[in-house]
Amino acid sequence: MEFLDWLGHSPLGVWVSEYQLAYYGLLAGHAIGMSIVVGIVFILGARILGFSKALPFEVFEQLYRLAWAGFGLNLLTGLLLFAANGRHLIENRPFLLKLTFIALGGLTLWALTRSLRAEPTGFATGGPASARSRSIALLMLLLWTAAIISGRVIAYTIKYV
């Protein structure tokens, strides 16, 4: 906890917590990164569950780079926001749940991608997704939804410095 106290009182932590433009700019960047990642994940999940069947899987191969850029933006802004209030965030249950749901959402996305590439039904070429892939997609959507909800609850439960 000493490190988190030091981080919060460091020039970076003070800059984020006391300079409103920095704080709100980081929050905006975090929201934009999240919308990119979760938007792409939701479109993929919806496609696997049978919506927009004409949308080829190759589109997602191209969108993965954009999703990684959104994730990078989220990681950077999240770390900077954490620098300002890590001492309180590390004890905040919704924050810990958010991190858990993000990790599990990422793992299910990885598992889903592997499952889709191994599909005997030819999902990548327009065939239907297997029951296994549809189940993983549904779980993935639930986990990312839980991450978003947990992230929003942080604002109502966190102690500010």
N, C-alpha and C. Protein backbone atom coordinates (compact mmCIF):
# COMPACT_ATOMS: atom_id res chain seq x y z
N MET A 1 0.81 -1.20 0.00
CA MET A 1 0.00 0.00 0.00
C MET A 1 0.86 1.27 0.00
N GLU A 2 2.07 1.15 0.50
CA GLU A 2 2.96 2.32 0.50
C GLU A 2 3.23 2.79 -0.92
N PHE A 3 3.42 1.84 -1.83
CA PHE A 3 3.66 2.21 -3.22
C PHE A 3 2.47 2.97 -3.79
N LEU A 4 1.26 2.52 -3.48
CA LEU A 4 0.07 3.19 -4.01
C LEU A 4 -0.10 4.58 -3.41
N ASP A 5 0.25 4.73 -2.14
CA ASP A 5 0.22 6.06 -1.52
C ASP A 5 1.24 6.97 -2.21
N TRP A 6 2.45 6.43 -2.43
CA TRP A 6 3.50 7.20 -3.11
C TRP A 6 3.03 7.59 -4.51
N LEU A 7 2.43 6.63 -5.23
CA LEU A 7 1.97 6.88 -6.59
C LEU A 7 0.92 7.98 -6.62
N GLY A 8 -0.02 7.94 -5.68
CA GLY A 8 -1.06 8.96 -5.63
C GLY A 8 -0.53 10.35 -5.33
N HIS A 9 0.59 10.42 -4.61
CA HIS A 9 1.18 11.71 -4.26
C HIS A 9 2.34 12.09 -5.20
N SER A 10 2.61 11.25 -6.17
CA SER A 10 3.66 11.56 -7.15
C SER A 10 3.17 12.69 -8.06
N PRO A 11 4.08 13.34 -8.77
CA PRO A 11 3.65 14.39 -9.70
C PRO A 11 2.59 13.89 -10.69
N LEU A 12 2.71 12.66 -11.16
CA LEU A 12 1.73 12.11 -12.09
C LEU A 12 0.37 11.95 -11.42
N GLY A 13 0.35 11.34 -10.22
CA GLY A 13 -0.90 11.16 -9.50
C GLY A 13 -1.58 12.47 -9.16
N VAL A 14 -0.79 13.44 -8.74
CA VAL A 14 -1.33 14.76 -8.40
C VAL A 14 -1.85 15.45 -9.65
N TRP A 15 -1.12 15.34 -10.76
CA TRP A 15 -1.56 15.95 -12.01
C TRP A 15 -2.92 15.41 -12.43
N VAL A 16 -3.09 14.10 -12.37
CA VAL A 16 -4.36 13.49 -12.78
C VAL A 16 -5.48 13.89 -11.83
N SER A 17 -5.21 13.87 -10.53
CA SER A 17 -6.29 14.12 -9.57
C SER A 17 -6.62 15.60 -9.41
N GLU A 18 -5.67 16.49 -9.66
CA GLU A 18 -5.93 17.91 -9.40
C GLU A 18 -6.16 18.74 -10.65
N TYR A 19 -5.74 18.26 -11.79
CA TYR A 19 -5.92 19.00 -13.03
C TYR A 19 -7.14 18.43 -13.74
N GLN A 20 -8.26 19.15 -13.64
CA GLN A 20 -9.53 18.62 -14.14
C GLN A 20 -9.50 18.26 -15.62
N LEU A 21 -8.83 19.05 -16.41
CA LEU A 21 -8.77 18.75 -17.84
C LEU A 21 -8.10 17.40 -18.07
N ALA A 22 -7.05 17.12 -17.30
CA ALA A 22 -6.38 15.82 -17.42
C ALA A 22 -7.31 14.70 -16.98
N TYR A 23 -7.95 14.86 -15.84
CA TYR A 23 -8.81 13.81 -15.30
C TYR A 23 -9.97 13.51 -16.25
N TYR A 24 -10.67 14.56 -16.67
CA TYR A 24 -11.82 14.33 -17.54
C TYR A 24 -11.40 13.90 -18.95
N GLY A 25 -10.24 14.37 -19.39
CA GLY A 25 -9.71 13.90 -20.67
C GLY A 25 -9.38 12.41 -20.62
N LEU A 26 -8.80 11.97 -19.50
CA LEU A 26 -8.50 10.54 -19.35
C LEU A 26 -9.78 9.72 -19.26
N LEU A 27 -10.77 10.23 -18.54
CA LEU A 27 -12.06 9.52 -18.49
C LEU A 27 -12.68 9.40 -19.88
N ALA A 28 -12.60 10.47 -20.66
CA ALA A 28 -13.14 10.44 -22.03
C ALA A 28 -12.37 9.43 -22.88
N GLY A 29 -11.05 9.46 -22.79
CA GLY A 29 -10.25 8.49 -23.53
C GLY A 29 -10.56 7.06 -23.13
N HIS A 30 -10.79 6.86 -21.83
CA HIS A 30 -11.14 5.52 -21.34
C HIS A 30 -12.47 5.06 -21.93
N ALA A 31 -13.44 5.97 -21.98
CA ALA A 31 -14.75 5.64 -22.56
C ALA A 31 -14.64 5.35 -24.05
N ILE A 32 -13.82 6.10 -24.76
CA ILE A 32 -13.64 5.88 -26.20
C ILE A 32 -12.98 4.53 -26.44
N GLY A 33 -11.92 4.23 -25.71
CA GLY A 33 -11.26 2.94 -25.86
C GLY A 33 -12.20 1.79 -25.57
N MET A 34 -13.00 1.95 -24.50
CA MET A 34 -13.96 0.90 -24.15
C MET A 34 -15.00 0.72 -25.25
N SER A 35 -15.47 1.82 -25.81
CA SER A 35 -16.50 1.70 -26.85
C SER A 35 -15.95 0.99 -28.09
N ILE A 36 -14.68 1.23 -28.40
CA ILE A 36 -14.07 0.55 -29.55
C ILE A 36 -13.98 -0.95 -29.29
N VAL A 37 -13.39 -1.31 -28.15
CA VAL A 37 -13.20 -2.73 -27.82
C VAL A 37 -14.55 -3.45 -27.71
N VAL A 38 -15.41 -2.93 -26.87
CA VAL A 38 -16.67 -3.62 -26.61
C VAL A 38 -17.58 -3.57 -27.84
N GLY A 39 -17.51 -2.50 -28.60
CA GLY A 39 -18.31 -2.44 -29.83
C GLY A 39 -17.94 -3.55 -30.80
N ILE A 40 -16.65 -3.73 -31.01
CA ILE A 40 -16.20 -4.79 -31.92
C ILE A 40 -16.54 -6.16 -31.35
N VAL A 41 -16.35 -6.35 -30.06
CA VAL A 41 -16.68 -7.63 -29.41
C VAL A 41 -18.17 -7.93 -29.57
N PHE A 42 -19.00 -6.91 -29.38
CA PHE A 42 -20.44 -7.14 -29.48
C PHE A 42 -20.88 -7.43 -30.91
N ILE A 43 -20.28 -6.77 -31.87
CA ILE A 43 -20.61 -7.06 -33.27
C ILE A 43 -20.20 -8.50 -33.61
N LEU A 44 -19.02 -8.91 -33.17
CA LEU A 44 -18.57 -10.28 -33.39
C LEU A 44 -19.52 -11.27 -32.72
N GLY A 45 -19.84 -11.01 -31.44
CA GLY A 45 -20.76 -11.91 -30.73
C GLY A 45 -22.12 -12.00 -31.40
N ALA A 46 -22.64 -10.86 -31.83
CA ALA A 46 -23.94 -10.86 -32.50
C ALA A 46 -23.87 -11.65 -33.81
N ARG A 47 -22.77 -11.49 -34.54
CA ARG A 47 -22.61 -12.23 -35.81
C ARG A 47 -22.59 -13.73 -35.56
N ILE A 48 -21.90 -14.14 -34.52
CA ILE A 48 -21.81 -15.57 -34.21
C ILE A 48 -23.16 -16.11 -33.76
N LEU A 49 -23.93 -15.28 -33.07
CA LEU A 49 -25.24 -15.71 -32.60
C LEU A 49 -26.30 -15.67 -33.69
N GLY A 50 -25.91 -15.26 -34.92
CA GLY A 50 -26.83 -15.37 -36.05
C GLY A 50 -27.32 -14.05 -36.62
N PHE A 51 -26.92 -12.93 -36.07
CA PHE A 51 -27.31 -11.63 -36.61
C PHE A 51 -26.33 -11.23 -37.72
N SER A 52 -26.81 -10.49 -38.68
CA SER A 52 -25.97 -10.00 -39.79
C SER A 52 -25.16 -11.12 -40.41
N LYS A 53 -25.85 -12.15 -40.85
CA LYS A 53 -25.18 -13.33 -41.40
C LYS A 53 -24.35 -13.03 -42.64
N ALA A 54 -24.64 -11.94 -43.32
CA ALA A 54 -23.89 -11.60 -44.53
C ALA A 54 -22.53 -11.00 -44.21
N LEU A 55 -22.31 -10.62 -42.97
CA LEU A 55 -21.04 -10.01 -42.57
C LEU A 55 -19.96 -11.09 -42.51
N PRO A 56 -18.94 -11.00 -43.37
CA PRO A 56 -17.92 -12.05 -43.39
C PRO A 56 -16.99 -11.98 -42.18
N PHE A 57 -16.51 -13.12 -41.77
CA PHE A 57 -15.61 -13.22 -40.62
C PHE A 57 -14.31 -12.45 -40.87
N GLU A 58 -13.89 -12.34 -42.12
CA GLU A 58 -12.64 -11.64 -42.44
C GLU A 58 -12.66 -10.20 -41.96
N VAL A 59 -13.84 -9.61 -41.88
CA VAL A 59 -13.96 -8.24 -41.38
C VAL A 59 -13.38 -8.14 -39.98
N PHE A 60 -13.61 -9.16 -39.16
CA PHE A 60 -13.13 -9.14 -37.78
C PHE A 60 -11.62 -9.30 -37.70
N GLU A 61 -11.05 -10.02 -38.65
CA GLU A 61 -9.60 -10.13 -38.69
C GLU A 61 -8.99 -8.74 -38.86
N GLN A 62 -9.64 -7.90 -39.65
CA GLN A 62 -9.16 -6.54 -39.85
C GLN A 62 -9.47 -5.66 -38.64
N LEU A 63 -10.61 -5.87 -38.01
CA LEU A 63 -11.01 -5.05 -36.87
C LEU A 63 -10.23 -5.37 -35.59
N TYR A 64 -9.57 -6.53 -35.54
CA TYR A 64 -8.80 -6.88 -34.35
C TYR A 64 -7.72 -5.84 -34.07
N ARG A 65 -7.10 -5.31 -35.12
CA ARG A 65 -6.08 -4.27 -34.91
C ARG A 65 -6.69 -3.04 -34.25
N LEU A 66 -7.86 -2.66 -34.70
CA LEU A 66 -8.55 -1.52 -34.11
C LEU A 66 -8.94 -1.83 -32.66
N ALA A 67 -9.39 -3.05 -32.41
CA ALA A 67 -9.74 -3.45 -31.05
C ALA A 67 -8.52 -3.40 -30.14
N TRP A 68 -7.37 -3.84 -30.64
CA TRP A 68 -6.14 -3.77 -29.84
C TRP A 68 -5.74 -2.33 -29.58
N ALA A 69 -5.95 -1.44 -30.54
CA ALA A 69 -5.66 -0.02 -30.34
C ALA A 69 -6.58 0.54 -29.25
N GLY A 70 -7.86 0.17 -29.30
CA GLY A 70 -8.80 0.60 -28.27
C GLY A 70 -8.41 0.06 -26.91
N PHE A 71 -7.96 -1.20 -26.88
CA PHE A 71 -7.52 -1.79 -25.62
C PHE A 71 -6.28 -1.07 -25.10
N GLY A 72 -5.36 -0.73 -25.99
CA GLY A 72 -4.17 0.02 -25.59
C GLY A 72 -4.54 1.38 -25.01
N LEU A 73 -5.49 2.06 -25.63
CA LEU A 73 -5.96 3.34 -25.11
C LEU A 73 -6.58 3.15 -23.72
N ASN A 74 -7.37 2.11 -23.57
CA ASN A 74 -7.98 1.82 -22.27
C ASN A 74 -6.93 1.50 -21.22
N LEU A 75 -5.94 0.73 -21.59
CA LEU A 75 -4.88 0.37 -20.65
C LEU A 75 -4.11 1.62 -20.21
N LEU A 76 -3.73 2.44 -21.16
CA LEU A 76 -2.98 3.65 -20.84
C LEU A 76 -3.80 4.60 -19.95
N THR A 77 -5.01 4.90 -20.37
CA THR A 77 -5.83 5.82 -19.57
C THR A 77 -6.19 5.21 -18.22
N GLY A 78 -6.43 3.90 -18.20
CA GLY A 78 -6.75 3.24 -16.94
C GLY A 78 -5.60 3.29 -15.96
N LEU A 79 -4.38 3.07 -16.45
CA LEU A 79 -3.21 3.15 -15.57
C LEU A 79 -3.01 4.56 -15.03
N LEU A 80 -3.23 5.55 -15.87
CA LEU A 80 -3.09 6.93 -15.42
C LEU A 80 -4.16 7.30 -14.40
N LEU A 81 -5.38 6.87 -14.62
CA LEU A 81 -6.45 7.11 -13.64
C LEU A 81 -6.15 6.37 -12.34
N PHE A 82 -5.61 5.17 -12.46
CA PHE A 82 -5.24 4.38 -11.28
C PHE A 82 -4.15 5.08 -10.48
N ALA A 83 -3.23 5.74 -11.17
CA ALA A 83 -2.13 6.44 -10.49
C ALA A 83 -2.65 7.48 -9.52
N ALA A 84 -3.76 8.10 -9.85
CA ALA A 84 -4.31 9.14 -9.00
C ALA A 84 -5.03 8.60 -7.77
N ASN A 85 -5.57 7.41 -7.86
CA ASN A 85 -6.41 6.93 -6.77
C ASN A 85 -6.27 5.43 -6.54
N GLY A 86 -5.11 4.88 -6.83
CA GLY A 86 -4.90 3.44 -6.71
C GLY A 86 -5.12 2.91 -5.30
N ARG A 87 -4.78 3.69 -4.31
CA ARG A 87 -4.93 3.25 -2.90
C ARG A 87 -6.37 2.89 -2.59
N HIS A 88 -7.30 3.66 -3.14
CA HIS A 88 -8.72 3.39 -2.88
C HIS A 88 -9.30 2.40 -3.89
N LEU A 89 -8.81 2.45 -5.11
CA LEU A 89 -9.33 1.53 -6.13
C LEU A 89 -8.98 0.08 -5.80
N ILE A 90 -7.81 -0.15 -5.28
CA ILE A 90 -7.37 -1.53 -5.02
C ILE A 90 -8.24 -2.20 -3.95
N GLU A 91 -8.95 -1.41 -3.18
CA GLU A 91 -9.84 -1.95 -2.15
C GLU A 91 -11.32 -1.89 -2.57
N ASN A 92 -11.57 -1.46 -3.79
CA ASN A 92 -12.93 -1.27 -4.28
C ASN A 92 -13.41 -2.54 -5.00
N ARG A 93 -14.41 -3.18 -4.46
CA ARG A 93 -14.90 -4.44 -5.03
C ARG A 93 -15.33 -4.32 -6.50
N PRO A 94 -16.11 -3.30 -6.88
CA PRO A 94 -16.46 -3.19 -8.31
C PRO A 94 -15.23 -3.04 -9.21
N PHE A 95 -14.19 -2.35 -8.75
CA PHE A 95 -12.97 -2.22 -9.54
C PHE A 95 -12.31 -3.58 -9.74
N LEU A 96 -12.23 -4.35 -8.66
CA LEU A 96 -11.62 -5.68 -8.75
C LEU A 96 -12.47 -6.60 -9.64
N LEU A 97 -13.78 -6.49 -9.53
CA LEU A 97 -14.66 -7.27 -10.41
C LEU A 97 -14.47 -6.86 -11.87
N LYS A 98 -14.36 -5.56 -12.11
CA LYS A 98 -14.16 -5.07 -13.48
C LYS A 98 -12.90 -5.69 -14.08
N LEU A 99 -11.80 -5.66 -13.33
CA LEU A 99 -10.56 -6.24 -13.83
C LEU A 99 -10.72 -7.74 -14.09
N THR A 100 -11.42 -8.43 -13.20
CA THR A 100 -11.66 -9.86 -13.38
C THR A 100 -12.49 -10.12 -14.63
N PHE A 101 -13.57 -9.36 -14.80
CA PHE A 101 -14.43 -9.55 -15.98
C PHE A 101 -13.69 -9.22 -17.27
N ILE A 102 -12.82 -8.22 -17.25
CA ILE A 102 -12.04 -7.89 -18.45
C ILE A 102 -11.10 -9.05 -18.79
N ALA A 103 -10.43 -9.57 -17.77
CA ALA A 103 -9.51 -10.70 -18.01
C ALA A 103 -10.27 -11.91 -18.55
N LEU A 104 -11.40 -12.22 -17.94
CA LEU A 104 -12.20 -13.36 -18.41
C LEU A 104 -12.80 -13.10 -19.78
N GLY A 105 -13.22 -11.85 -20.04
CA GLY A 105 -13.73 -11.49 -21.36
C GLY A 105 -12.66 -11.65 -22.43
N GLY A 106 -11.44 -11.25 -22.10
CA GLY A 106 -10.32 -11.42 -23.04
C GLY A 106 -10.03 -12.89 -23.31
N LEU A 107 -10.07 -13.70 -22.25
CA LEU A 107 -9.84 -15.14 -22.41
C LEU A 107 -10.92 -15.79 -23.27
N THR A 108 -12.17 -15.38 -23.07
CA THR A 108 -13.23 -15.97 -23.89
C THR A 108 -13.13 -15.51 -25.34
N LEU A 109 -12.69 -14.28 -25.55
CA LEU A 109 -12.49 -13.81 -26.93
C LEU A 109 -11.40 -14.65 -27.60
N TRP A 110 -10.33 -14.92 -26.88
CA TRP A 110 -9.25 -15.77 -27.41
C TRP A 110 -9.80 -17.17 -27.70
N ALA A 111 -10.54 -17.74 -26.74
CA ALA A 111 -11.10 -19.08 -26.93
C ALA A 111 -12.08 -19.10 -28.11
N LEU A 112 -12.86 -18.05 -28.24
CA LEU A 112 -13.82 -17.97 -29.33
C LEU A 112 -13.11 -17.91 -30.68
N THR A 113 -12.07 -17.12 -30.76
CA THR A 113 -11.32 -17.02 -32.01
C THR A 113 -10.74 -18.37 -32.41
N ARG A 114 -10.16 -19.06 -31.44
CA ARG A 114 -9.62 -20.40 -31.71
C ARG A 114 -10.72 -21.36 -32.14
N SER A 115 -11.86 -21.30 -31.47
CA SER A 115 -12.98 -22.18 -31.79
C SER A 115 -13.48 -21.91 -33.21
N LEU A 116 -13.61 -20.65 -33.56
CA LEU A 116 -14.12 -20.30 -34.89
C LEU A 116 -13.17 -20.75 -36.00
N ARG A 117 -11.89 -20.62 -35.76
CA ARG A 117 -10.91 -21.02 -36.79
C ARG A 117 -10.89 -22.53 -36.99
N ALA A 118 -11.35 -23.27 -35.98
CA ALA A 118 -11.37 -24.74 -36.08
C ALA A 118 -12.74 -25.27 -36.50
N GLU A 119 -13.66 -24.38 -36.82
CA GLU A 119 -15.03 -24.79 -37.14
C GLU A 119 -15.08 -25.71 -38.36
N PRO A 120 -15.67 -26.87 -38.20
CA PRO A 120 -15.85 -27.74 -39.37
C PRO A 120 -16.98 -27.23 -40.26
N THR A 121 -17.83 -26.35 -39.73
CA THR A 121 -18.98 -25.86 -40.51
C THR A 121 -18.61 -24.73 -41.44
N GLY A 122 -17.36 -24.28 -41.37
CA GLY A 122 -16.92 -23.22 -42.27
C GLY A 122 -17.46 -21.85 -41.91
N PHE A 123 -17.53 -21.53 -40.62
CA PHE A 123 -18.04 -20.22 -40.21
C PHE A 123 -17.27 -19.10 -40.90
N ALA A 124 -15.98 -19.26 -41.01
CA ALA A 124 -15.15 -18.21 -41.63
C ALA A 124 -15.56 -17.93 -43.07
N THR A 125 -16.20 -18.89 -43.72
CA THR A 125 -16.64 -18.68 -45.10
C THR A 125 -18.15 -18.50 -45.21
N GLY A 126 -18.81 -18.20 -44.08
CA GLY A 126 -20.23 -17.89 -44.14
C GLY A 126 -21.15 -18.94 -43.58
N GLY A 127 -20.63 -20.08 -43.15
CA GLY A 127 -21.48 -21.11 -42.56
C GLY A 127 -21.90 -20.73 -41.14
N PRO A 128 -22.80 -21.52 -40.57
CA PRO A 128 -23.23 -21.23 -39.20
C PRO A 128 -22.15 -21.59 -38.18
N ALA A 129 -22.16 -20.90 -37.06
CA ALA A 129 -21.22 -21.21 -35.98
C ALA A 129 -21.72 -22.43 -35.23
N SER A 130 -20.79 -23.18 -34.68
CA SER A 130 -21.16 -24.37 -33.90
C SER A 130 -21.81 -23.95 -32.57
N ALA A 131 -22.46 -24.90 -31.94
CA ALA A 131 -23.07 -24.64 -30.63
C ALA A 131 -22.00 -24.23 -29.63
N ARG A 132 -20.82 -24.82 -29.72
CA ARG A 132 -19.72 -24.46 -28.82
C ARG A 132 -19.34 -23.00 -28.99
N SER A 133 -19.17 -22.58 -30.23
CA SER A 133 -18.80 -21.19 -30.50
C SER A 133 -19.90 -20.23 -30.07
N ARG A 134 -21.14 -20.61 -30.30
CA ARG A 134 -22.25 -19.75 -29.87
C ARG A 134 -22.29 -19.63 -28.35
N SER A 135 -22.01 -20.71 -27.65
CA SER A 135 -21.98 -20.66 -26.18
C SER A 135 -20.86 -19.77 -25.67
N ILE A 136 -19.69 -19.90 -26.29
CA ILE A 136 -18.56 -19.05 -25.90
C ILE A 136 -18.89 -17.59 -26.19
N ALA A 137 -19.50 -17.32 -27.33
CA ALA A 137 -19.86 -15.95 -27.70
C ALA A 137 -20.84 -15.35 -26.69
N LEU A 138 -21.82 -16.13 -26.28
CA LEU A 138 -22.78 -15.64 -25.30
C LEU A 138 -22.10 -15.34 -23.96
N LEU A 139 -21.24 -16.24 -23.53
CA LEU A 139 -20.48 -16.01 -22.29
C LEU A 139 -19.62 -14.77 -22.42
N MET A 140 -18.97 -14.60 -23.56
CA MET A 140 -18.13 -13.43 -23.79
C MET A 140 -18.94 -12.14 -23.67
N LEU A 141 -20.11 -12.12 -24.28
CA LEU A 141 -20.97 -10.94 -24.22
C LEU A 141 -21.41 -10.64 -22.78
N LEU A 142 -21.71 -11.67 -22.04
CA LEU A 142 -22.10 -11.48 -20.63
C LEU A 142 -20.94 -10.94 -19.81
N LEU A 143 -19.74 -11.45 -20.05
CA LEU A 143 -18.57 -10.98 -19.29
C LEU A 143 -18.23 -9.53 -19.61
N TRP A 144 -18.28 -9.15 -20.87
CA TRP A 144 -17.99 -7.76 -21.22
C TRP A 144 -19.09 -6.83 -20.71
N THR A 145 -20.33 -7.29 -20.71
CA THR A 145 -21.41 -6.49 -20.12
C THR A 145 -21.17 -6.30 -18.62
N ALA A 146 -20.77 -7.36 -17.95
CA ALA A 146 -20.47 -7.28 -16.52
C ALA A 146 -19.30 -6.32 -16.27
N ALA A 147 -18.31 -6.31 -17.15
CA ALA A 147 -17.17 -5.39 -17.00
C ALA A 147 -17.64 -3.94 -17.10
N ILE A 148 -18.52 -3.66 -18.05
CA ILE A 148 -19.04 -2.30 -18.21
C ILE A 148 -19.83 -1.89 -16.98
N ILE A 149 -20.71 -2.76 -16.52
CA ILE A 149 -21.53 -2.44 -15.35
C ILE A 149 -20.65 -2.22 -14.12
N SER A 150 -19.68 -3.09 -13.92
CA SER A 150 -18.77 -2.94 -12.78
C SER A 150 -18.01 -1.62 -12.87
N GLY A 151 -17.57 -1.27 -14.06
CA GLY A 151 -16.86 -0.01 -14.25
C GLY A 151 -17.71 1.20 -13.90
N ARG A 152 -18.97 1.16 -14.27
CA ARG A 152 -19.87 2.27 -13.93
C ARG A 152 -20.13 2.33 -12.42
N VAL A 153 -20.24 1.19 -11.77
CA VAL A 153 -20.52 1.17 -10.33
C VAL A 153 -19.35 1.76 -9.54
N ILE A 154 -18.14 1.68 -10.08
CA ILE A 154 -16.98 2.26 -9.40
C ILE A 154 -17.24 3.73 -9.05
N ALA A 155 -17.82 4.46 -9.98
CA ALA A 155 -18.05 5.89 -9.77
C ALA A 155 -18.94 6.17 -8.55
N TYR A 156 -19.77 5.22 -8.18
CA TYR A 156 -20.70 5.42 -7.07
C TYR A 156 -20.20 4.82 -5.76
N THR A 157 -19.09 4.12 -5.82
CA THR A 157 -18.61 3.43 -4.61
C THR A 157 -17.21 3.81 -4.20
N ILE A 158 -16.50 4.58 -5.01
CA ILE A 158 -15.10 4.88 -4.73
C ILE A 158 -14.97 6.03 -3.75
N LYS A 159 -13.96 5.95 -2.92
CA LYS A 159 -13.59 7.07 -2.06
C LYS A 159 -12.58 7.89 -2.84
N TYR A 160 -12.84 9.17 -2.95
CA TYR A 160 -11.91 10.04 -3.68
C TYR A 160 -10.91 10.65 -2.73
N VAL A 161 -9.70 10.86 -3.24
CA VAL A 161 -8.63 11.45 -2.43
C VAL A 161 -8.84 12.94 -2.30
